Amino acid sequence: MENQLKTNKKSFMKHLIIILCVIAGICSSCNDMLDNIQPYLDAGENIYVGKVDSLTASSGRNRILLKGFYMYGVTQKKCVIRWQSQDEEDKSLELDVVRDNAVDPFEVIIDDLDEGQYEFSVTTYDAKGNSSIESMIEGYVYGNLYESNLTNRKMDRLYLDENEVVISWRPANNALKSEMHYTSVTGEEKRIEIPITETETRIEDCDLTKVLRWRTVYLPEETAIDYFYSEFTETTIPIKKQQEVKRLISG
């Protein structure tokens, strides 16, 4: 009986030592965790302001349109947009924010941008200087380089049918429309828009002694905010009815 008690006592002491070791390990881990988070505790609570949500970028001619929504509270008082120029110079634009509704539109055009790719960050601030998480968006700005490579739509035939000027057009890829400029029989300078899907154009009131001038219009992206144009092409009108222009405008 005495031996059994000694054995039980040894087993109890063994388990007790194991439990104490486990507790010591847990306490040590807790101390390590507290050491890791202590700087954050000392810094205090971070207060984040509602960011600009659903941010988009629409390309333009040496400019870009940024749009989105102010959401998540109405404490925003200031908005700062940051980007780098094509020369890698830091740029920024600061805007005052007035909130009237739970969701308010954010819309700004940034002008005087060189042609190229950009990344924009948008941050909002409250009256105490607390900031939002950055909203990021990329966009491309178009300019003279893009426009200088645009081609004008070509004529296939140009002739007279009675008193009508008839133009047969060749297909044009990636273009939006064409603009035709001409002088009417009353001396008025006129402009007509020709859909890119139109293959034949007839002009009834054209002064046959004047030149025709046309150019082709492009939209570089579906959401772009500016048109871009090819250079103008000029041609004279054949005098005799049904006479085709000997030199086709084929470039």
C-alpha atoms as a PDB file:
ATOM      1  CA  MET A   1       0.000   0.000   0.000  1.00  0.00           C
ATOM      2  CA  GLU A   2       2.837   2.317   0.911  1.00  0.00           C
ATOM      3  CA  ASN A   3       4.554   1.565  -2.409  1.00  0.00           C
ATOM      4  CA  GLN A   4       1.363   2.361  -4.297  1.00  0.00           C
ATOM      5  CA  LEU A   5       1.130   5.736  -2.572  1.00  0.00           C
ATOM      6  CA  LYS A   6       4.738   6.537  -3.479  1.00  0.00           C
ATOM      7  CA  THR A   7       4.077   5.611  -7.115  1.00  0.00           C
ATOM      8  CA  ASN A   8       0.948   7.797  -7.265  1.00  0.00           C
ATOM      9  CA  LYS A   9       2.832  10.688  -5.686  1.00  0.00           C
ATOM     10  CA  LYS A  10       5.624  10.437  -8.267  1.00  0.00           C
ATOM     11  CA  SER A  11       3.068  10.329 -11.098  1.00  0.00           C
ATOM     12  CA  PHE A  12       1.254  13.357  -9.694  1.00  0.00           C
ATOM     13  CA  MET A  13       4.492  15.335  -9.375  1.00  0.00           C
ATOM     14  CA  LYS A  14       5.457  14.391 -12.954  1.00  0.00           C
ATOM     15  CA  HIS A  15       2.132  15.626 -14.341  1.00  0.00           C
ATOM     16  CA  LEU A  16       2.319  18.752 -12.212  1.00  0.00           C
ATOM     17  CA  ILE A  17       5.748  19.596 -13.603  1.00  0.00           C
ATOM     18  CA  ILE A  18       4.447  19.109 -17.172  1.00  0.00           C
ATOM     19  CA  ILE A  19       1.447  21.373 -16.508  1.00  0.00           C
ATOM     20  CA  LEU A  20       3.657  24.064 -14.982  1.00  0.00           C
ATOM     21  CA  CYS A  21       5.985  23.920 -18.004  1.00  0.00           C
ATOM     22  CA  VAL A  22       3.032  24.333 -20.373  1.00  0.00           C
ATOM     23  CA  ILE A  23       1.742  27.297 -18.377  1.00  0.00           C
ATOM     24  CA  ALA A  24       5.193  28.877 -18.396  1.00  0.00           C
ATOM     25  CA  GLY A  25       5.392  28.444 -22.181  1.00  0.00           C
ATOM     26  CA  ILE A  26       1.995  30.048 -22.663  1.00  0.00           C
ATOM     27  CA  CYS A  27       2.921  32.990 -20.496  1.00  0.00           C
ATOM     28  CA  SER A  28       6.173  33.439 -22.409  1.00  0.00           C
ATOM     29  CA  SER A  29       4.276  33.423 -25.723  1.00  0.00           C
ATOM     30  CA  CYS A  30       1.787  35.944 -24.402  1.00  0.00           C
ATOM     31  CA  ASN A  31       4.638  38.221 -23.349  1.00  0.00           C
ATOM     32  CA  ASP A  32       6.167  37.921 -26.832  1.00  0.00           C
ATOM     33  CA  MET A  33       2.795  38.760 -28.409  1.00  0.00           C
ATOM     34  CA  LEU A  34       2.405  41.770 -26.149  1.00  0.00           C
ATOM     35  CA  ASP A  35       5.902  42.934 -27.108  1.00  0.00           C
ATOM     36  CA  ASN A  36       4.937  42.705 -30.801  1.00  0.00           C
ATOM     37  CA  ILE A  37       1.685  44.646 -30.534  1.00  0.00           C
ATOM     38  CA  GLN A  38       2.816  47.135 -27.902  1.00  0.00           C
ATOM     39  CA  PRO A  39       3.976  49.739 -30.477  1.00  0.00           C
ATOM     40  CA  TYR A  40       0.502  49.667 -32.034  1.00  0.00           C
ATOM     41  CA  LEU A  41      -1.135  50.006 -28.638  1.00  0.00           C
ATOM     42  CA  ASP A  42       1.132  52.940 -27.811  1.00  0.00           C
ATOM     43  CA  ALA A  43       0.238  54.617 -31.134  1.00  0.00           C
ATOM     44  CA  GLY A  44      -3.455  54.523 -30.276  1.00  0.00           C
ATOM     45  CA  GLU A  45      -6.469  53.751 -32.449  1.00  0.00           C
ATOM     46  CA  ASN A  46      -6.247  54.462 -36.200  1.00  0.00           C
ATOM     47  CA  ILE A  47      -9.243  56.348 -37.548  1.00  0.00           C
ATOM     48  CA  TYR A  48      -9.823  55.860 -41.276  1.00  0.00           C
ATOM     49  CA  VAL A  49     -11.869  58.273 -43.363  1.00  0.00           C
ATOM     50  CA  GLY A  50     -14.217  56.987 -46.053  1.00  0.00           C
ATOM     51  CA  LYS A  51     -12.308  56.537 -49.321  1.00  0.00           C
ATOM     52  CA  VAL A  52     -13.354  57.354 -52.892  1.00  0.00           C
ATOM     53  CA  ASP A  53     -15.089  54.219 -54.150  1.00  0.00           C
ATOM     54  CA  SER A  54     -15.640  52.798 -57.677  1.00  0.00           C
ATOM     55  CA  LEU A  55     -12.840  54.930 -59.139  1.00  0.00           C
ATOM     56  CA  THR A  56     -12.562  55.077 -62.960  1.00  0.00           C
ATOM     57  CA  ALA A  57     -10.322  56.921 -65.441  1.00  0.00           C
ATOM     58  CA  SER A  58     -11.400  58.170 -68.891  1.00  0.00           C
ATOM     59  CA  SER A  59      -8.717  59.201 -71.356  1.00  0.00           C
ATOM     60  CA  GLY A  60      -8.611  62.535 -73.147  1.00  0.00           C
ATOM     61  CA  ARG A  61      -6.390  64.906 -75.126  1.00  0.00           C
ATOM     62  CA  ASN A  62      -3.568  65.749 -72.716  1.00  0.00           C
ATOM     63  CA  ARG A  63      -6.045  65.326 -69.870  1.00  0.00           C
ATOM     64  CA  ILE A  64      -7.892  62.636 -67.968  1.00  0.00           C
ATOM     65  CA  LEU A  65     -11.245  62.391 -66.196  1.00  0.00           C
ATOM     66  CA  LEU A  66     -11.389  60.646 -62.814  1.00  0.00           C
ATOM     67  CA  LYS A  67     -14.797  59.652 -61.472  1.00  0.00           C
ATOM     68  CA  GLY A  68     -16.060  57.776 -58.446  1.00  0.00           C
ATOM     69  CA  PHE A  69     -18.159  58.194 -55.305  1.00  0.00           C
ATOM     70  CA  TYR A  70     -17.617  59.592 -51.818  1.00  0.00           C
ATOM     71  CA  MET A  71     -19.026  56.959 -49.453  1.00  0.00           C
ATOM     72  CA  TYR A  72     -18.649  55.457 -45.971  1.00  0.00           C
ATOM     73  CA  GLY A  73     -19.525  58.435 -43.804  1.00  0.00           C
ATOM     74  CA  VAL A  74     -19.628  62.159 -44.453  1.00  0.00           C
ATOM     75  CA  THR A  75     -16.516  63.374 -42.624  1.00  0.00           C
ATOM     76  CA  GLN A  76     -14.355  63.964 -45.700  1.00  0.00           C
ATOM     77  CA  LYS A  77     -13.175  67.576 -45.965  1.00  0.00           C
ATOM     78  CA  LYS A  78     -10.272  67.322 -48.379  1.00  0.00           C
ATOM     79  CA  CYS A  79      -9.202  65.086 -51.253  1.00  0.00           C
ATOM     80  CA  VAL A  80      -5.643  64.801 -52.578  1.00  0.00           C
ATOM     81  CA  ILE A  81      -4.818  63.229 -55.954  1.00  0.00           C
ATOM     82  CA  ARG A  82      -1.203  62.193 -56.530  1.00  0.00           C
ATOM     83  CA  TRP A  83       0.647  61.004 -59.618  1.00  0.00           C
ATOM     84  CA  GLN A  84       4.016  61.145 -61.350  1.00  0.00           C
ATOM     85  CA  SER A  85       4.664  63.081 -64.544  1.00  0.00           C
ATOM     86  CA  GLN A  86       6.274  61.400 -67.539  1.00  0.00           C
ATOM     87  CA  ASP A  87       9.539  62.863 -66.211  1.00  0.00           C
ATOM     88  CA  GLU A  88       8.894  61.031 -62.910  1.00  0.00           C
ATOM     89  CA  GLU A  89       8.202  64.277 -61.062  1.00  0.00           C
ATOM     90  CA  ASP A  90       5.757  63.989 -58.175  1.00  0.00           C
ATOM     91  CA  LYS A  91       2.536  65.912 -58.803  1.00  0.00           C
ATOM     92  CA  SER A  92      -0.576  66.463 -56.707  1.00  0.00           C
ATOM     93  CA  LEU A  93      -3.944  68.201 -56.801  1.00  0.00           C
ATOM     94  CA  GLU A  94      -5.886  69.152 -53.660  1.00  0.00           C
ATOM     95  CA  LEU A  95      -9.661  69.524 -53.659  1.00  0.00           C
ATOM     96  CA  ASP A  96     -12.127  70.714 -51.045  1.00  0.00           C
ATOM     97  CA  VAL A  97     -14.899  68.217 -50.314  1.00  0.00           C
ATOM     98  CA  VAL A  98     -18.471  69.129 -49.392  1.00  0.00           C
ATOM     99  CA  ARG A  99     -20.673  66.191 -48.402  1.00  0.00           C
ATOM    100  CA  ASP A 100     -24.453  66.520 -48.659  1.00  0.00           C
ATOM    101  CA  ASN A 101     -25.648  62.926 -49.034  1.00  0.00           C
ATOM    102  CA  ALA A 102     -24.775  59.408 -47.994  1.00  0.00           C
ATOM    103  CA  VAL A 103     -23.275  58.949 -51.473  1.00  0.00           C
ATOM    104  CA  ASP A 104     -21.872  61.945 -53.378  1.00  0.00           C
ATOM    105  CA  PRO A 105     -20.204  61.983 -56.809  1.00  0.00           C
ATOM    106  CA  PHE A 106     -16.469  62.460 -57.172  1.00  0.00           C
ATOM    107  CA  GLU A 107     -15.436  63.927 -60.536  1.00  0.00           C
ATOM    108  CA  VAL A 108     -12.345  65.849 -61.582  1.00  0.00           C
ATOM    109  CA  ILE A 109     -10.460  66.529 -64.830  1.00  0.00           C
ATOM    110  CA  ILE A 110      -6.674  66.761 -64.598  1.00  0.00           C
ATOM    111  CA  ASP A 111      -5.311  68.942 -67.410  1.00  0.00           C
ATOM    112  CA  ASP A 112      -1.890  69.670 -68.923  1.00  0.00           C
ATOM    113  CA  LEU A 113      -0.698  66.070 -68.927  1.00  0.00           C
ATOM    114  CA  ASP A 114       1.919  64.752 -71.327  1.00  0.00           C
ATOM    115  CA  GLU A 115       0.987  61.784 -73.456  1.00  0.00           C
ATOM    116  CA  GLY A 116       1.573  58.452 -71.733  1.00  0.00           C
ATOM    117  CA  GLN A 117       0.523  56.005 -69.011  1.00  0.00           C
ATOM    118  CA  TYR A 118      -0.291  57.242 -65.499  1.00  0.00           C
ATOM    119  CA  GLU A 119      -1.174  55.834 -62.101  1.00  0.00           C
ATOM    120  CA  PHE A 120      -3.274  58.020 -59.806  1.00  0.00           C
ATOM    121  CA  SER A 121      -3.818  57.669 -56.064  1.00  0.00           C
ATOM    122  CA  VAL A 122      -6.762  59.379 -54.382  1.00  0.00           C
ATOM    123  CA  THR A 123      -6.822  59.960 -50.612  1.00  0.00           C
ATOM    124  CA  THR A 124      -9.450  61.750 -48.538  1.00  0.00           C
ATOM    125  CA  TYR A 125      -8.926  63.528 -45.190  1.00  0.00           C
ATOM    126  CA  ASP A 126     -11.193  64.686 -42.398  1.00  0.00           C
ATOM    127  CA  ALA A 127     -10.893  67.952 -40.456  1.00  0.00           C
ATOM    128  CA  LYS A 128      -8.440  66.361 -37.979  1.00  0.00           C
ATOM    129  CA  GLY A 129      -6.099  65.105 -40.670  1.00  0.00           C
ATOM    130  CA  ASN A 130      -7.138  61.460 -40.492  1.00  0.00           C
ATOM    131  CA  SER A 131      -6.814  59.847 -43.921  1.00  0.00           C
ATOM    132  CA  SER A 132      -8.563  57.180 -45.937  1.00  0.00           C
ATOM    133  CA  ILE A 133      -7.062  54.142 -47.557  1.00  0.00           C
ATOM    134  CA  GLU A 134      -5.712  55.080 -50.998  1.00  0.00           C
ATOM    135  CA  SER A 135      -7.847  54.445 -54.055  1.00  0.00           C
ATOM    136  CA  MET A 136      -5.658  53.618 -57.070  1.00  0.00           C
ATOM    137  CA  ILE A 137      -6.430  53.807 -60.807  1.00  0.00           C
ATOM    138  CA  GLU A 138      -4.394  53.690 -64.010  1.00  0.00           C
ATOM    139  CA  GLY A 139      -5.163  55.552 -67.215  1.00  0.00           C
ATOM    140  CA  TYR A 140      -3.619  56.563 -70.530  1.00  0.00           C
ATOM    141  CA  VAL A 141      -3.435  60.134 -71.819  1.00  0.00           C
ATOM    142  CA  TYR A 142      -3.414  60.677 -75.602  1.00  0.00           C
ATOM    143  CA  GLY A 143      -1.870  63.532 -77.549  1.00  0.00           C
ATOM    144  CA  ASN A 144      -0.105  64.577 -80.745  1.00  0.00           C
ATOM    145  CA  LEU A 145       1.837  61.336 -81.117  1.00  0.00           C
ATOM    146  CA  TYR A 146      -1.350  59.278 -81.238  1.00  0.00           C
ATOM    147  CA  GLU A 147      -3.101  61.761 -83.525  1.00  0.00           C
ATOM    148  CA  SER A 148      -0.196  62.010 -85.973  1.00  0.00           C
ATOM    149  CA  ASN A 149      -0.605  58.320 -86.818  1.00  0.00           C
ATOM    150  CA  LEU A 150      -4.318  58.494 -87.665  1.00  0.00           C
ATOM    151  CA  THR A 151      -5.227  57.910 -91.311  1.00  0.00           C
ATOM    152  CA  ASN A 152      -7.985  59.569 -93.290  1.00  0.00           C
ATOM    153  CA  ARG A 153     -10.749  57.493 -94.832  1.00  0.00           C
ATOM    154  CA  LYS A 154     -10.166  57.019 -98.552  1.00  0.00           C
ATOM    155  CA  MET A 155     -12.542  57.559-101.453  1.00  0.00           C
ATOM    156  CA  ASP A 156     -13.080  54.763-103.927  1.00  0.00           C
ATOM    157  CA  ARG A 157     -15.015  56.823-106.503  1.00  0.00           C
ATOM    158  CA  LEU A 158     -16.086  60.446-106.900  1.00  0.00           C
ATOM    159  CA  TYR A 159     -18.490  61.419-109.683  1.00  0.00           C
ATOM    160  CA  LEU A 160     -21.579  63.397-110.629  1.00  0.00           C
ATOM    161  CA  ASP A 161     -25.039  61.912-110.968  1.00  0.00           C
ATOM    162  CA  GLU A 162     -27.206  64.667-112.465  1.00  0.00           C
ATOM    163  CA  ASN A 163     -26.491  67.513-110.019  1.00  0.00           C
ATOM    164  CA  GLU A 164     -25.520  65.310-107.106  1.00  0.00           C
ATOM    165  CA  VAL A 165     -21.968  64.692-105.999  1.00  0.00           C
ATOM    166  CA  VAL A 166     -21.611  60.968-105.281  1.00  0.00           C
ATOM    167  CA  ILE A 167     -18.817  59.546-103.140  1.00  0.00           C
ATOM    168  CA  SER A 168     -18.122  55.844-102.723  1.00  0.00           C
ATOM    169  CA  TRP A 169     -16.050  55.144 -99.632  1.00  0.00           C
ATOM    170  CA  ARG A 170     -13.489  52.511 -98.833  1.00  0.00           C
ATOM    171  CA  PRO A 171     -13.733  50.724 -95.452  1.00  0.00           C
ATOM    172  CA  ALA A 172     -12.054  52.368 -92.468  1.00  0.00           C
ATOM    173  CA  ASN A 173     -10.885  50.430 -89.441  1.00  0.00           C
ATOM    174  CA  ASN A 174     -11.246  51.642 -85.851  1.00  0.00           C
ATOM    175  CA  ALA A 175     -12.640  55.025 -86.917  1.00  0.00           C
ATOM    176  CA  LEU A 176     -15.784  56.650 -85.543  1.00  0.00           C
ATOM    177  CA  LYS A 177     -16.991  58.823 -88.427  1.00  0.00           C
ATOM    178  CA  SER A 178     -15.844  61.265 -91.108  1.00  0.00           C
ATOM    179  CA  GLU A 179     -16.499  64.990 -91.526  1.00  0.00           C
ATOM    180  CA  MET A 180     -17.060  66.416 -95.015  1.00  0.00           C
ATOM    181  CA  HIS A 181     -16.660  70.170 -95.571  1.00  0.00           C
ATOM    182  CA  TYR A 182     -17.972  71.768 -98.744  1.00  0.00           C
ATOM    183  CA  THR A 183     -19.396  75.026-100.165  1.00  0.00           C
ATOM    184  CA  SER A 184     -23.085  75.068-101.050  1.00  0.00           C
ATOM    185  CA  VAL A 185     -24.541  76.626-104.209  1.00  0.00           C
ATOM    186  CA  THR A 186     -25.553  79.628-102.066  1.00  0.00           C
ATOM    187  CA  GLY A 187     -21.962  80.136-100.877  1.00  0.00           C
ATOM    188  CA  GLU A 188     -22.531  78.731 -97.390  1.00  0.00           C
ATOM    189  CA  GLU A 189     -19.732  76.678 -95.830  1.00  0.00           C
ATOM    190  CA  LYS A 190     -21.262  73.397 -94.696  1.00  0.00           C
ATOM    191  CA  ARG A 191     -20.148  70.364 -92.747  1.00  0.00           C
ATOM    192  CA  ILE A 192     -21.785  66.945 -92.745  1.00  0.00           C
ATOM    193  CA  GLU A 193     -20.968  63.926 -90.615  1.00  0.00           C
ATOM    194  CA  ILE A 194     -20.635  60.586 -92.376  1.00  0.00           C
ATOM    195  CA  PRO A 195     -21.046  57.422 -90.290  1.00  0.00           C
ATOM    196  CA  ILE A 196     -18.173  55.012 -90.688  1.00  0.00           C
ATOM    197  CA  THR A 197     -20.673  52.343 -91.786  1.00  0.00           C
ATOM    198  CA  GLU A 198     -21.885  54.486 -94.702  1.00  0.00           C
ATOM    199  CA  THR A 199     -20.414  53.351 -98.022  1.00  0.00           C
ATOM    200  CA  GLU A 200     -21.954  55.993-100.307  1.00  0.00           C
ATOM    201  CA  THR A 201     -22.585  59.687 -99.696  1.00  0.00           C
ATOM    202  CA  ARG A 202     -24.637  62.024-101.914  1.00  0.00           C
ATOM    203  CA  ILE A 203     -24.464  65.830-101.731  1.00  0.00           C
ATOM    204  CA  GLU A 204     -27.229  67.732-103.530  1.00  0.00           C
ATOM    205  CA  ASP A 205     -26.328  71.393-102.970  1.00  0.00           C
ATOM    206  CA  CYS A 206     -22.589  71.371-103.581  1.00  0.00           C
ATOM    207  CA  ASP A 207     -20.852  74.170-105.516  1.00  0.00           C
ATOM    208  CA  LEU A 208     -19.015  72.163-108.169  1.00  0.00           C
ATOM    209  CA  THR A 209     -16.335  74.808-108.589  1.00  0.00           C
ATOM    210  CA  LYS A 210     -15.118  74.448-105.002  1.00  0.00           C
ATOM    211  CA  VAL A 211     -13.015  71.737-103.378  1.00  0.00           C
ATOM    212  CA  LEU A 212     -14.200  69.009-101.046  1.00  0.00           C
ATOM    213  CA  ARG A 213     -12.351  68.669 -97.727  1.00  0.00           C
ATOM    214  CA  TRP A 214     -12.757  65.797 -95.306  1.00  0.00           C
ATOM    215  CA  ARG A 215     -11.140  64.200 -92.307  1.00  0.00           C
ATOM    216  CA  THR A 216     -11.774  61.129 -90.174  1.00  0.00           C
ATOM    217  CA  VAL A 217     -12.706  61.198 -86.497  1.00  0.00           C
ATOM    218  CA  TYR A 218     -11.381  58.707 -83.935  1.00  0.00           C
ATOM    219  CA  LEU A 219     -12.197  57.873 -80.335  1.00  0.00           C
ATOM    220  CA  PRO A 220      -9.154  56.079 -78.877  1.00  0.00           C
ATOM    221  CA  GLU A 221     -11.172  54.312 -76.178  1.00  0.00           C
ATOM    222  CA  GLU A 222     -14.874  53.718 -75.704  1.00  0.00           C
ATOM    223  CA  THR A 223     -14.942  55.936 -72.615  1.00  0.00           C
ATOM    224  CA  ALA A 224     -12.590  58.635 -73.966  1.00  0.00           C
ATOM    225  CA  ILE A 225     -13.753  62.235 -73.461  1.00  0.00           C
ATOM    226  CA  ASP A 226     -12.105  63.794 -76.546  1.00  0.00           C
ATOM    227  CA  TYR A 227     -12.158  63.190 -80.295  1.00  0.00           C
ATOM    228  CA  PHE A 228      -8.993  62.907 -82.369  1.00  0.00           C
ATOM    229  CA  TYR A 229      -8.719  63.712 -86.066  1.00  0.00           C
ATOM    230  CA  SER A 230      -6.745  62.708 -89.114  1.00  0.00           C
ATOM    231  CA  GLU A 231      -5.351  65.418 -91.351  1.00  0.00           C
ATOM    232  CA  PHE A 232      -7.670  66.909 -93.981  1.00  0.00           C
ATOM    233  CA  THR A 233      -7.645  65.655 -97.564  1.00  0.00           C
ATOM    234  CA  GLU A 234      -8.807  67.903-100.428  1.00  0.00           C
ATOM    235  CA  THR A 235     -10.027  67.086-103.927  1.00  0.00           C
ATOM    236  CA  THR A 236     -11.795  68.822-106.789  1.00  0.00           C
ATOM    237  CA  ILE A 237     -15.132  67.709-108.219  1.00  0.00           C
ATOM    238  CA  PRO A 238     -15.382  66.251-111.756  1.00  0.00           C
ATOM    239  CA  ILE A 239     -17.245  68.568-114.139  1.00  0.00           C
ATOM    240  CA  LYS A 240     -18.843  66.117-116.546  1.00  0.00           C
ATOM    241  CA  LYS A 241     -21.742  63.961-115.390  1.00  0.00           C
ATOM    242  CA  GLN A 242     -20.865  60.362-114.556  1.00  0.00           C
ATOM    243  CA  GLN A 243     -17.165  61.193-114.999  1.00  0.00           C
ATOM    244  CA  GLU A 244     -15.039  59.501-112.414  1.00  0.00           C
ATOM    245  CA  VAL A 245     -12.037  61.152-110.921  1.00  0.00           C
ATOM    246  CA  LYS A 246      -9.042  59.825-112.811  1.00  0.00           C
ATOM    247  CA  ARG A 247      -6.883  59.883-109.776  1.00  0.00           C
ATOM    248  CA  LEU A 248      -8.565  57.972-106.959  1.00  0.00           C
ATOM    249  CA  ILE A 249      -7.909  59.228-103.486  1.00  0.00           C
ATOM    250  CA  SER A 250      -5.965  56.154-102.516  1.00  0.00           C
ATOM    251  CA  GLY A 251      -2.971  57.663-100.804  1.00  0.00           C
END
